[in-house]
Protein backbone atom coordinates (compact mmCIF):
# COMPACT_ATOMS: atom_id res chain seq x y z
CA MET A 1 4.89 -1.32 24.02
CA PHE A 2 3.76 -1.32 27.61
CA SER A 3 0.11 -0.80 28.49
CA TRP A 4 -2.03 0.41 31.36
CA PRO A 5 -5.61 0.12 32.56
CA LEU A 6 -7.94 2.83 31.31
CA GLY A 7 -7.65 5.96 33.45
CA SER A 8 -4.85 4.69 35.71
CA VAL A 9 -2.45 7.26 34.28
CA PHE A 10 -4.33 10.06 35.95
CA PHE A 11 -4.18 8.40 39.32
CA ALA A 12 -0.45 7.78 38.89
CA LEU A 13 -0.05 11.50 38.35
CA LEU A 14 -1.80 12.26 41.63
CA VAL A 15 1.45 11.58 43.49
CA LEU A 16 1.88 15.33 43.09
CA GLY A 17 -0.95 15.83 45.57
CA SER A 18 -4.58 16.81 45.47
CA SER A 19 -3.59 20.48 45.28
CA ILE A 20 -2.75 19.94 41.61
CA ALA A 21 -6.32 19.01 40.84
CA SER A 22 -7.70 22.12 42.47
CA ALA A 23 -5.16 24.43 40.83
CA ALA A 24 -5.11 22.96 37.33
CA SER A 25 -7.35 23.79 34.42
CA GLY A 26 -10.91 22.55 34.57
CA ARG A 27 -10.49 20.91 31.17
CA TRP A 28 -8.86 17.79 32.57
CA TYR A 29 -9.85 17.90 36.25
CA ASP A 30 -12.99 18.81 38.15
CA GLN A 31 -11.83 21.63 40.42
CA THR A 32 -14.69 21.03 42.81
CA THR A 33 -14.25 17.30 43.40
CA GLY A 34 -10.57 17.02 42.47
CA GLN A 35 -11.44 14.10 40.21
CA VAL A 36 -10.50 13.40 36.61
CA THR A 37 -12.95 14.78 34.04
CA GLU A 38 -14.71 12.82 31.32
CA GLN A 39 -12.46 14.56 28.78
CA ALA A 40 -9.36 13.30 30.57
CA LEU A 41 -10.75 9.76 30.63
CA GLY A 42 -11.46 10.11 26.92
CA LEU A 43 -7.88 11.25 26.36
CA TYR A 44 -6.46 8.23 28.18
CA ALA A 45 -8.79 5.93 26.25
CA ALA A 46 -7.56 7.56 23.02
CA VAL A 47 -3.96 6.76 23.97
CA VAL A 48 -4.97 3.10 24.31
CA LEU A 49 -6.90 3.37 21.01
CA ALA A 50 -3.76 4.67 19.29
CA GLU A 51 -1.90 1.47 20.14
CA ARG A 52 -4.80 -0.62 18.82
CA HIS A 53 -4.30 1.18 15.50
CA ALA A 54 -0.54 0.46 15.47
CA ILE A 55 0.26 4.05 16.39
CA ASP A 56 3.13 4.40 18.84
CA ALA A 57 1.97 6.01 22.09
CA ASP A 58 4.84 5.23 24.47
CA ASP A 59 6.17 8.77 24.19
CA LEU A 60 2.72 10.15 24.96
CA LYS A 61 2.44 8.03 28.09
CA LEU A 62 5.93 9.12 29.10
CA ARG A 63 5.03 12.77 28.61
CA LEU A 64 2.10 12.42 30.97
CA GLN A 65 4.02 10.43 33.55
CA GLN A 66 7.07 12.72 33.69
CA ALA A 67 5.16 15.96 34.32
CA GLN A 68 6.36 17.27 37.70
CA THR A 69 4.51 20.55 38.25
CA VAL A 70 0.96 21.77 38.11
CA ASP A 71 1.54 23.63 34.84
CA ALA A 72 3.51 20.74 33.35
CA VAL A 73 0.74 18.25 34.09
CA ASP A 74 -1.87 20.44 32.43
CA ARG A 75 0.40 21.23 29.49
CA ALA A 76 1.21 17.53 29.04
CA HIS A 77 -2.47 16.72 28.58
CA ASP A 78 -2.84 19.52 26.01
CA ASP A 79 0.26 18.35 24.13
CA VAL A 80 -0.90 14.72 24.09
CA LEU A 81 -4.25 15.81 22.69
CA ASP A 82 -2.54 17.73 19.87
CA GLU A 83 -0.28 14.78 19.10
CA LEU A 84 -3.21 12.38 18.93
CA ILE A 85 -5.07 14.72 16.58
CA SER A 86 -2.02 14.86 14.33
CA ARG A 87 -1.23 11.14 14.38
CA PHE A 88 -4.84 10.10 13.84
CA SER A 89 -5.32 12.63 11.02
CA LEU A 90 -2.01 12.46 9.16
CA GLY A 91 -0.11 9.46 10.52
CA GLN A 92 2.78 9.22 12.93
CA LEU A 93 5.56 9.47 10.32
CA PRO A 94 6.16 12.17 7.68
CA THR A 95 5.31 11.04 4.15
CA SER A 96 8.69 12.42 2.99
CA ILE A 97 10.26 9.31 4.48
CA ASP A 98 9.14 7.43 1.34
CA PRO A 99 10.73 8.94 -1.81
CA LEU A 100 8.15 7.14 -3.98
CA TRP A 101 5.21 8.82 -2.21
CA HIS A 102 4.00 11.76 -4.32
CA TYR A 103 0.64 12.68 -2.84
CA PRO A 104 0.35 16.38 -1.95
CA GLU A 105 0.96 17.12 1.70
CA ARG A 106 -2.32 17.24 3.58
CA GLU A 107 -2.73 20.34 5.72
CA LEU A 108 -3.95 20.14 9.30
CA ASP A 109 -5.83 23.00 10.93
CA LEU A 110 -4.87 21.97 14.44
CA ASN A 111 -6.65 24.82 16.20
CA LEU A 112 -9.93 24.08 14.43
CA LEU A 113 -9.73 20.33 15.04
CA ARG A 114 -8.76 20.80 18.67
CA GLU A 115 -11.79 23.02 19.21
CA ARG A 116 -14.09 20.48 17.53
CA VAL A 117 -12.70 17.60 19.56
CA LEU A 118 -12.99 19.46 22.86
CA GLN A 119 -16.54 20.59 22.14
CA ALA A 120 -17.72 17.14 21.04
CA PRO A 121 -19.99 15.17 23.42
CA SER A 122 -17.31 12.43 23.50
CA LEU A 123 -13.64 13.33 23.12
CA LEU A 124 -12.76 9.70 22.37
CA SER A 125 -15.36 9.41 19.61
CA ALA A 126 -14.28 12.73 18.10
CA LEU A 127 -10.66 11.58 17.98
CA GLU A 128 -11.57 8.16 16.60
CA ALA A 129 -13.49 9.86 13.77
CA LEU A 130 -10.18 11.28 12.51
CA LEU A 131 -8.91 7.80 11.63
CA PRO A 132 -9.58 6.10 8.26
CA THR A 133 -12.96 4.44 7.92
CA HIS A 134 -12.32 2.62 4.62
CA SER A 135 -13.35 -1.03 4.75
CA ASP A 136 -9.80 -2.11 3.79
CA TYR A 137 -8.36 -0.27 6.79
CA LEU A 138 -10.95 -1.60 9.24
CA LYS A 139 -10.58 -5.22 8.08
CA LEU A 140 -6.81 -4.99 8.26
CA LEU A 141 -7.02 -3.43 11.71
CA GLU A 142 -9.15 -6.33 12.93
CA LEU A 143 -6.60 -8.90 11.74
CA TYR A 144 -3.72 -6.80 13.11
CA GLU A 145 -5.07 -7.55 16.57
CA GLN A 146 -5.41 -11.28 15.80
CA GLN A 147 -1.89 -12.06 14.59
CA PRO A 148 -0.04 -15.17 15.87
CA LEU A 149 1.65 -14.68 19.23
CA ALA A 150 5.43 -14.47 19.37
CA SER A 151 5.38 -16.46 22.61
CA GLN A 152 3.93 -19.46 20.72
CA GLU A 153 6.16 -19.19 17.66
CA PRO A 154 7.80 -22.49 16.63
CA GLU A 155 11.46 -22.65 15.68
CA LYS A 156 12.35 -21.33 12.24
CA LEU A 157 13.07 -23.61 9.31
CA GLU A 158 16.63 -23.89 8.01
CA PHE A 159 16.49 -26.57 5.30
CA THR A 160 17.96 -25.88 1.84
CA ALA A 161 16.31 -28.63 -0.24
CA LEU A 162 13.15 -28.20 -2.33
CA PHE A 163 10.26 -30.12 -0.78
CA ARG A 164 7.63 -31.49 -3.14
CA PRO A 165 4.47 -33.46 -2.30
CA GLY A 166 5.33 -37.12 -1.71
CA VAL A 167 8.72 -36.51 -0.13
CA VAL A 168 9.55 -37.98 3.27
CA HIS A 169 11.79 -35.80 5.43
CA THR A 170 12.23 -35.02 9.12
CA ASP A 171 11.72 -31.26 8.48
CA ILE A 172 8.15 -31.83 7.26
CA LYS A 173 7.11 -31.96 10.90
CA LEU A 174 8.55 -28.47 11.38
CA VAL A 175 6.68 -27.24 8.30
CA ARG A 176 3.43 -28.49 9.80
CA GLU A 177 4.16 -26.79 13.12
CA ARG A 178 4.92 -23.51 11.40
CA LEU A 179 1.79 -23.62 9.22
CA ASP A 180 -0.39 -24.60 12.14
CA TRP A 181 0.92 -21.63 14.14
CA LEU A 182 0.03 -19.35 11.23
CA GLY A 183 -3.55 -20.62 11.16
CA TYR A 184 -3.33 -23.22 8.38
CA ALA A 185 -4.82 -26.64 9.19
CA ALA A 186 -1.59 -28.63 8.86
CA ARG A 187 -2.19 -31.13 11.68
CA ASP A 188 -4.27 -34.22 10.88
CA ALA A 189 -4.15 -37.99 11.18
CA VAL A 190 -1.18 -38.13 8.83
CA SER A 191 0.79 -35.65 10.93
CA ASP A 192 0.33 -37.92 13.95
CA LEU A 193 1.05 -41.27 12.25
CA ALA A 194 3.46 -40.21 9.48
CA PRO A 195 4.84 -36.81 10.56
CA ARG A 196 7.67 -36.90 7.99
CA LEU A 197 5.40 -37.44 4.96
CA TYR A 198 4.55 -34.50 2.72
CA ASP A 199 1.06 -35.72 1.75
CA GLU A 200 -1.56 -34.13 -0.49
CA ALA A 201 -3.58 -32.74 2.42
CA LEU A 202 -0.51 -30.79 3.55
CA ALA A 203 0.15 -29.74 -0.04
CA GLU A 204 -3.31 -28.12 -0.19
CA GLN A 205 -2.48 -26.05 2.88
CA VAL A 206 0.87 -25.08 1.38
CA ARG A 207 -0.87 -23.94 -1.82
CA LEU A 208 -3.29 -21.85 0.21
CA PHE A 209 -0.37 -20.37 2.13
CA GLN A 210 1.42 -19.60 -1.14
CA SER A 211 -1.67 -17.96 -2.60
CA ASP A 212 -2.05 -15.77 0.50
CA HIS A 213 1.54 -14.57 0.07
CA GLY A 214 1.58 -13.92 -3.66
CA LEU A 215 3.65 -16.99 -4.56
CA GLU A 216 3.32 -19.59 -7.28
CA THR A 217 0.80 -22.12 -5.98
CA ASP A 218 2.85 -25.16 -6.91
CA ALA A 219 3.10 -26.68 -3.40
CA ILE A 220 6.88 -26.73 -3.81
CA ILE A 221 8.53 -25.39 -0.67
CA GLY A 222 11.52 -23.46 -2.00
CA PRO A 223 13.34 -20.27 -0.97
CA ASP A 224 10.36 -17.93 -1.43
CA SER A 225 7.92 -20.12 0.50
CA LEU A 226 10.55 -20.73 3.16
CA SER A 227 11.12 -17.02 3.57
CA TRP A 228 7.42 -16.37 4.23
CA LEU A 229 7.15 -19.43 6.49
CA ASN A 230 9.97 -17.99 8.59
CA TYR A 231 8.39 -14.54 8.71
CA SER A 232 8.18 -13.93 12.43
CA ALA A 233 5.25 -12.67 14.47
CA SER A 234 7.16 -9.42 14.98
CA ASP A 235 7.82 -9.03 11.26
CA ARG A 236 4.16 -9.59 10.45
CA GLN A 237 3.07 -6.98 12.98
CA LYS A 238 5.55 -4.47 11.57
CA LEU A 239 4.34 -5.07 8.03
CA LEU A 240 0.71 -4.53 9.01
CA ALA A 241 1.62 -1.46 11.07
CA VAL A 242 3.31 0.13 8.06
CA VAL A 243 0.34 -0.53 5.78
CA LEU A 244 -2.04 0.95 8.36
CA GLU A 245 0.26 3.97 8.52
CA ARG A 246 0.15 4.40 4.75
CA TRP A 247 -3.66 4.32 4.94
CA ARG A 248 -3.48 7.24 7.38
CA TRP A 249 -1.44 9.14 4.80
CA LEU A 250 -4.28 8.91 2.28
CA PRO A 251 -7.19 11.36 2.05
CA ARG A 252 -10.11 10.29 4.22
CA ASP A 253 -12.71 10.80 1.47
CA LEU A 254 -11.68 8.93 -1.68
CA GLY A 255 -14.92 9.77 -3.47
CA GLU A 256 -18.11 7.97 -4.41
CA GLU A 257 -16.45 6.26 -7.39
CA TYR A 258 -12.72 5.60 -7.70
CA LEU A 259 -9.95 3.18 -8.69
CA LEU A 260 -7.52 1.89 -6.08
CA VAL A 261 -4.28 0.49 -7.52
CA SER A 262 -2.23 -1.81 -5.31
CA ILE A 263 1.31 -1.46 -6.63
CA PRO A 264 2.94 -4.45 -4.85
CA GLY A 265 -0.37 -6.36 -4.81
CA PHE A 266 -0.62 -6.18 -8.62
CA GLU A 267 -4.31 -5.40 -8.58
CA VAL A 268 -6.69 -2.64 -9.68
CA ARG A 269 -9.98 -2.38 -7.83
CA TYR A 270 -13.01 -0.32 -8.74
CA PHE A 271 -15.11 1.05 -5.87
CA THR A 272 -18.51 2.68 -6.04
CA LYS A 273 -20.69 4.11 -3.32
CA GLY A 274 -21.85 0.58 -2.56
CA GLY A 275 -18.30 -0.74 -2.05
CA LEU A 276 -15.98 -2.93 -4.11
CA ALA A 277 -17.48 -3.57 -7.58
CA GLU A 278 -14.65 -5.05 -9.68
CA ARG A 279 -11.07 -6.24 -9.36
CA HIS A 280 -8.50 -6.71 -12.12
CA SER A 281 -5.00 -8.18 -12.08
CA SER A 282 -2.30 -5.71 -13.02
CA ILE A 283 1.40 -5.31 -13.76
CA SER A 284 3.47 -2.68 -11.94
CA GLY A 285 6.86 -1.09 -12.57
CA ARG A 286 9.93 -3.21 -12.07
CA PRO A 287 12.22 -2.30 -9.13
CA SER A 288 14.63 -0.37 -11.35
CA ARG A 289 11.69 1.71 -12.65
CA PRO A 290 9.20 1.76 -9.80
CA THR A 291 5.63 2.98 -10.01
CA ARG A 292 5.12 6.02 -7.81
CA SER A 293 2.32 6.40 -5.28
CA PHE A 294 0.13 9.34 -6.28
CA MET A 295 -3.41 10.39 -7.17
CA ALA A 296 -4.68 11.55 -10.57
CA ASN A 297 -8.07 12.03 -12.21
CA LEU A 298 -9.03 9.70 -15.05
CA GLU A 299 -10.65 11.93 -17.67
CA HIS A 300 -10.37 10.20 -21.07
CA PHE A 301 -9.89 6.86 -22.70
CA VAL A 302 -7.60 6.76 -25.72
CA VAL A 303 -8.76 3.96 -28.00
CA ASN A 304 -6.13 2.53 -30.38
CA PRO A 305 -3.50 4.85 -28.90
CA THR A 306 -0.16 5.77 -30.36
CA TRP A 307 2.77 5.44 -27.96
CA THR A 308 5.30 8.22 -27.70
CA VAL A 309 8.32 6.43 -26.25
CA PRO A 310 9.49 8.11 -23.02
CA ARG A 311 13.03 9.45 -23.20
CA ARG A 312 14.33 7.07 -20.58
CA ILE A 313 12.95 4.02 -22.37
CA LEU A 314 14.21 5.29 -25.73
CA MET A 315 17.78 5.70 -24.51
CA ARG A 316 18.01 2.69 -22.20
CA ASP A 317 15.90 0.12 -24.02
CA ILE A 318 15.13 0.99 -27.62
CA VAL A 319 18.47 2.34 -28.85
CA PRO A 320 20.37 -0.84 -27.85
CA LYS A 321 17.73 -2.92 -29.68
CA ILE A 322 18.11 -0.76 -32.80
CA SER A 323 21.89 -1.18 -32.65
CA ALA A 324 21.48 -4.95 -32.46
CA ASP A 325 18.85 -5.13 -35.22
CA PHE A 326 18.02 -2.12 -37.37
CA SER A 327 14.82 -3.77 -38.59
CA TYR A 328 13.51 -3.49 -35.02
CA LEU A 329 11.83 -0.14 -35.69
CA GLU A 330 10.00 -1.38 -38.76
CA ASN A 331 8.93 -4.58 -37.03
CA GLN A 332 7.54 -2.60 -34.13
CA ASN A 333 5.77 0.02 -36.30
CA MET A 334 7.89 2.81 -34.81
CA GLN A 335 8.47 6.12 -36.54
CA ALA A 336 11.10 8.77 -35.79
CA GLN A 337 9.91 12.39 -35.61
CA ARG A 338 11.79 15.69 -35.50
CA LEU A 339 10.60 18.94 -33.95
CA ILE A 340 10.70 21.43 -36.84
CA ASP A 341 9.32 24.97 -36.52
CA GLY A 342 7.32 23.91 -33.47
CA HIS A 343 5.75 20.86 -35.11
CA TRP A 344 6.63 17.17 -34.93
CA VAL A 345 7.39 15.89 -38.42
CA ASP A 346 8.03 12.32 -39.56
CA VAL A 347 11.62 11.70 -40.71
CA ALA A 348 13.23 8.59 -42.13
CA ASN A 349 14.35 6.19 -39.42
CA THR A 350 17.53 5.65 -41.44
CA SER A 351 18.36 9.37 -41.22
CA ILE A 352 19.07 9.10 -37.48
CA ASP A 353 22.47 8.12 -36.11
CA TRP A 354 20.94 6.10 -33.30
CA GLU A 355 24.22 4.96 -31.76
CA SER A 356 25.31 8.58 -31.29
CA LEU A 357 21.96 9.79 -29.99
CA SER A 358 22.35 12.01 -26.93
CA TRP A 359 20.09 12.39 -23.91
CA ASP A 360 20.12 16.12 -24.70
CA ASP A 361 18.69 15.65 -28.19
CA GLN A 362 15.19 16.75 -27.19
CA ASP A 363 13.98 17.55 -30.71
CA LEU A 364 13.81 13.85 -31.62
CA ARG A 365 11.19 11.36 -30.51
CA LEU A 366 9.94 7.91 -31.44
CA VAL A 367 6.24 7.13 -31.91
CA GLN A 368 4.71 3.67 -32.16
CA ALA A 369 1.62 3.37 -34.35
CA PRO A 370 -1.61 1.74 -33.11
CA GLY A 371 -1.86 -1.99 -33.59
CA GLN A 372 -1.33 -5.38 -32.01
CA LYS A 373 2.30 -4.60 -31.13
CA ASN A 374 1.60 -1.22 -29.54
CA ALA A 375 2.96 -1.15 -25.99
CA LEU A 376 -0.24 0.47 -24.70
CA GLY A 377 -2.49 -2.15 -26.26
CA GLN A 378 -5.93 -1.10 -27.41
CA ILE A 379 -6.92 1.26 -24.57
CA LYS A 380 -5.04 3.84 -22.51
CA PHE A 381 -6.58 5.40 -19.40
CA HIS A 382 -5.47 9.02 -19.72
CA MET A 383 -5.02 10.64 -16.31
CA PRO A 384 -2.82 13.76 -16.47
CA ASN A 385 0.12 13.61 -14.06
CA SER A 386 3.74 14.72 -13.86
CA HIS A 387 5.06 11.15 -13.72
CA ALA A 388 3.82 10.06 -17.17
CA ILE A 389 2.26 7.02 -15.50
CA TYR A 390 -1.02 5.68 -16.86
CA LEU A 391 -3.22 2.60 -16.78
CA HIS A 392 -3.37 0.77 -20.07
CA ASP A 393 -3.76 -2.46 -22.01
CA THR A 394 -0.77 -4.57 -23.08
CA PRO A 395 0.07 -6.98 -25.89
CA SER A 396 2.02 -9.11 -23.38
CA LYS A 397 -1.03 -10.65 -21.75
CA GLU A 398 0.83 -13.85 -20.84
CA LEU A 399 2.51 -11.92 -18.01
CA PHE A 400 -0.77 -11.77 -16.08
CA SER A 401 -0.39 -15.48 -15.32
CA GLU A 402 2.72 -14.75 -13.23
CA ALA A 403 2.33 -14.50 -9.45
CA SER A 404 4.70 -11.54 -9.06
CA ARG A 405 4.24 -8.98 -11.81
CA ALA A 406 6.75 -6.13 -11.48
CA TYR A 407 7.63 -5.92 -15.18
CA SER A 408 6.65 -2.53 -16.59
CA SER A 409 8.60 0.71 -16.91
CA GLY A 410 6.34 2.41 -14.38
CA CYS A 411 2.86 2.37 -15.91
CA ILE A 412 0.13 0.00 -14.73
CA ARG A 413 -0.98 -2.64 -17.24
CA VAL A 414 -4.49 -3.90 -16.54
CA GLU A 415 -5.97 -7.29 -17.36
CA GLY A 416 -9.48 -7.03 -18.82
CA VAL A 417 -8.97 -3.33 -19.36
CA ALA A 418 -11.82 -3.11 -21.91
CA ASP A 419 -14.28 -4.58 -19.41
CA LEU A 420 -13.18 -2.07 -16.78
CA ALA A 421 -13.49 0.77 -19.31
CA ARG A 422 -17.04 -0.30 -20.17
CA THR A 423 -17.94 -0.26 -16.48
CA LEU A 424 -16.55 3.25 -16.03
CA MET A 425 -18.48 4.51 -19.06
CA HIS A 426 -21.77 3.40 -17.46
CA GLU A 427 -24.67 4.03 -19.86
CA SER A 428 -22.25 5.35 -22.50
CA ALA A 429 -20.39 2.04 -22.86
CA GLY A 430 -21.80 1.66 -26.38
CA GLN A 431 -19.63 4.58 -27.54
CA LEU A 432 -16.55 2.69 -26.42
CA ASP A 433 -17.61 -0.55 -28.10
CA ALA A 434 -18.13 1.31 -31.39
CA LEU A 435 -14.61 2.76 -31.25
CA LEU A 436 -13.06 -0.61 -30.39
CA THR A 437 -14.16 -1.96 -33.79
CA GLN A 438 -12.17 0.76 -35.58
CA ASP A 439 -8.44 1.20 -36.23
CA GLU A 440 -8.14 4.96 -35.77
CA THR A 441 -6.89 6.65 -32.63
CA LYS A 442 -9.87 8.19 -30.83
CA TRP A 443 -10.27 10.05 -27.54
CA LEU A 444 -13.38 9.38 -25.48
CA ARG A 445 -14.33 11.53 -22.51
CA LEU A 446 -15.71 9.77 -19.44
CA PRO A 447 -19.14 10.85 -18.15
CA LYS A 448 -17.26 12.27 -15.15
CA ALA A 449 -13.65 12.30 -13.96
CA ILE A 450 -12.77 9.35 -11.72
CA PRO A 451 -9.98 9.61 -9.14
CA VAL A 452 -7.27 6.97 -9.34
CA TYR A 453 -5.19 6.24 -6.23
CA LEU A 454 -1.91 4.39 -6.73
CA PHE A 455 -0.95 2.96 -3.37
CA TYR A 456 1.97 0.90 -2.05
CA ASN A 457 0.05 -1.47 0.22
CA ARG A 458 1.54 -4.88 0.94
CA ALA A 459 -1.29 -6.24 3.07
CA TRP A 460 -5.05 -6.44 2.75
CA VAL A 461 -7.98 -8.72 3.53
CA ASP A 462 -9.53 -10.47 0.53
CA SER A 463 -13.22 -11.11 -0.15
CA ASP A 464 -12.98 -14.42 1.75
CA GLY A 465 -11.65 -12.68 4.85
CA ARG A 466 -8.12 -14.03 4.34
CA LEU A 467 -5.10 -11.85 5.08
CA GLN A 468 -2.96 -11.26 2.00
CA LEU A 469 0.72 -10.34 2.40
CA ARG A 470 3.12 -9.36 -0.39
CA ASP A 471 6.84 -8.84 -0.88
CA ASP A 472 8.39 -5.41 -0.49
CA VAL A 473 9.25 -5.29 -4.20
CA TYR A 474 10.73 -1.77 -4.01
CA LYS A 475 12.15 -2.12 -0.46
CA ALA A 476 10.00 0.93 0.24
CA ASP A 477 8.88 -0.18 3.72
CA ARG A 478 12.36 -0.67 5.17
CA GLN A 479 12.82 2.98 6.13
CA LEU A 480 9.31 3.21 7.59
CA ILE A 481 9.86 0.17 9.77
CA ALA A 482 13.30 1.43 10.83
CA SER A 483 11.83 4.82 11.78
CA ILE A 484 9.10 3.27 13.90
CA GLU A 485 11.64 1.03 15.64
CA SER A 486 13.98 3.97 16.22
CA LYS A 487 11.16 6.00 17.74
CA LEU A 488 10.31 3.16 20.11
CA LYS A 489 13.96 2.62 21.02
CA ASN A 490 14.49 6.30 21.83
CA THR A 491 11.41 6.31 24.07
CA GLN A 492 12.66 3.22 25.92
CA LEU A 493 16.05 4.86 26.48
CA VAL A 494 14.36 7.88 28.04
CA GLN A 495 12.35 5.60 30.32
CA ARG A 496 15.56 4.10 31.68
């Protein structure tokens, strides 16, 4: 993206002559002095602000620069204002570009917002107020502007061997250069005197690098670590730009109390009016059964829940296991039920021809009883939604020790789910504790509904101020990045 000094666009447009200023609308030019108005200066500053927020503005600059008549110049300013309102409020790309994004489309009353912006004491401040103000967005924006420079980028690494601490190899020098460029302290006395030695001090920096990128912190430089080490300055900027864009897709007011679920970050965070209060590791849907991005209201906890097996899981996962071992159902405390006269009735598992079961057989279902083997664990966060996706406990707690945790069939499994539930119950936490000592299935209403936002964000700033980047586990950002690049390319072609 090219840039310009604040306000210079207006003066470039004055090649049309001073008569334009006197004939044009008084909104952008002072008809008496023929000078640019404060609103026009605010508009130009907002164009620069857009680029600071990773919003493409090349086409807006081009629209201003290519205006050739008095009416066109005035209309160009009006059009740029409307575009900035839209891009700041809703984002620069349509949410439909991501098939996993299922938030309702936010409506924009452009006429009302335009009037408010134009009547505000500062047009720039009024436009800036349309952007997200969440602390996550602002911290990420700050680091977006501090990313390593492409002009200083060292050569990429091409080795194929696994490097462990203690190894001596000529490529270790290149590893140090790459880490140092990324802001990790990889240069020290050892790097000067023994540049080929993979010593423990370097291993500590590698572990930190791995932690910041969601990798196993084993200090072994293998394919995954190598891939992130070779992630270019351009790639990092594109990743951050996409996450900032997704933030602009979200509602501006998330509420005084809410849960924010990072799908590729494998984390559930609880926010209150005072900010971040708790964070819990989580497990998301595997790539073949991805977790959607959507919002729902958490209304009840189900303690000792039963699990009605979703049709897809029944046909794809359970039936093959039954065919391989008919005792599977008994071992898993699963019971077949038939829909008879409008009611679900238990039937003998042996009465079902499981191998011939059809997807169309909608009057049969499988229910797992509460207990240690129940797929939902001891607590389910019930939040009505059309995707049948919930937050819940899990009996497979060993999976939380994995670095990358895309294992579920779409629901979000939460580590320490009982602790989080107690927090959300506030003064009524004792009711939950009483139910947890029982074996029966019980529903418990929360003191108030809490919004839950499931969000595909691959980058954030942690509590220590460190930038965290994660893999595109669903390849969901590819199309967004391609669309931004295509938009830039088309603008550049027009410029030529």
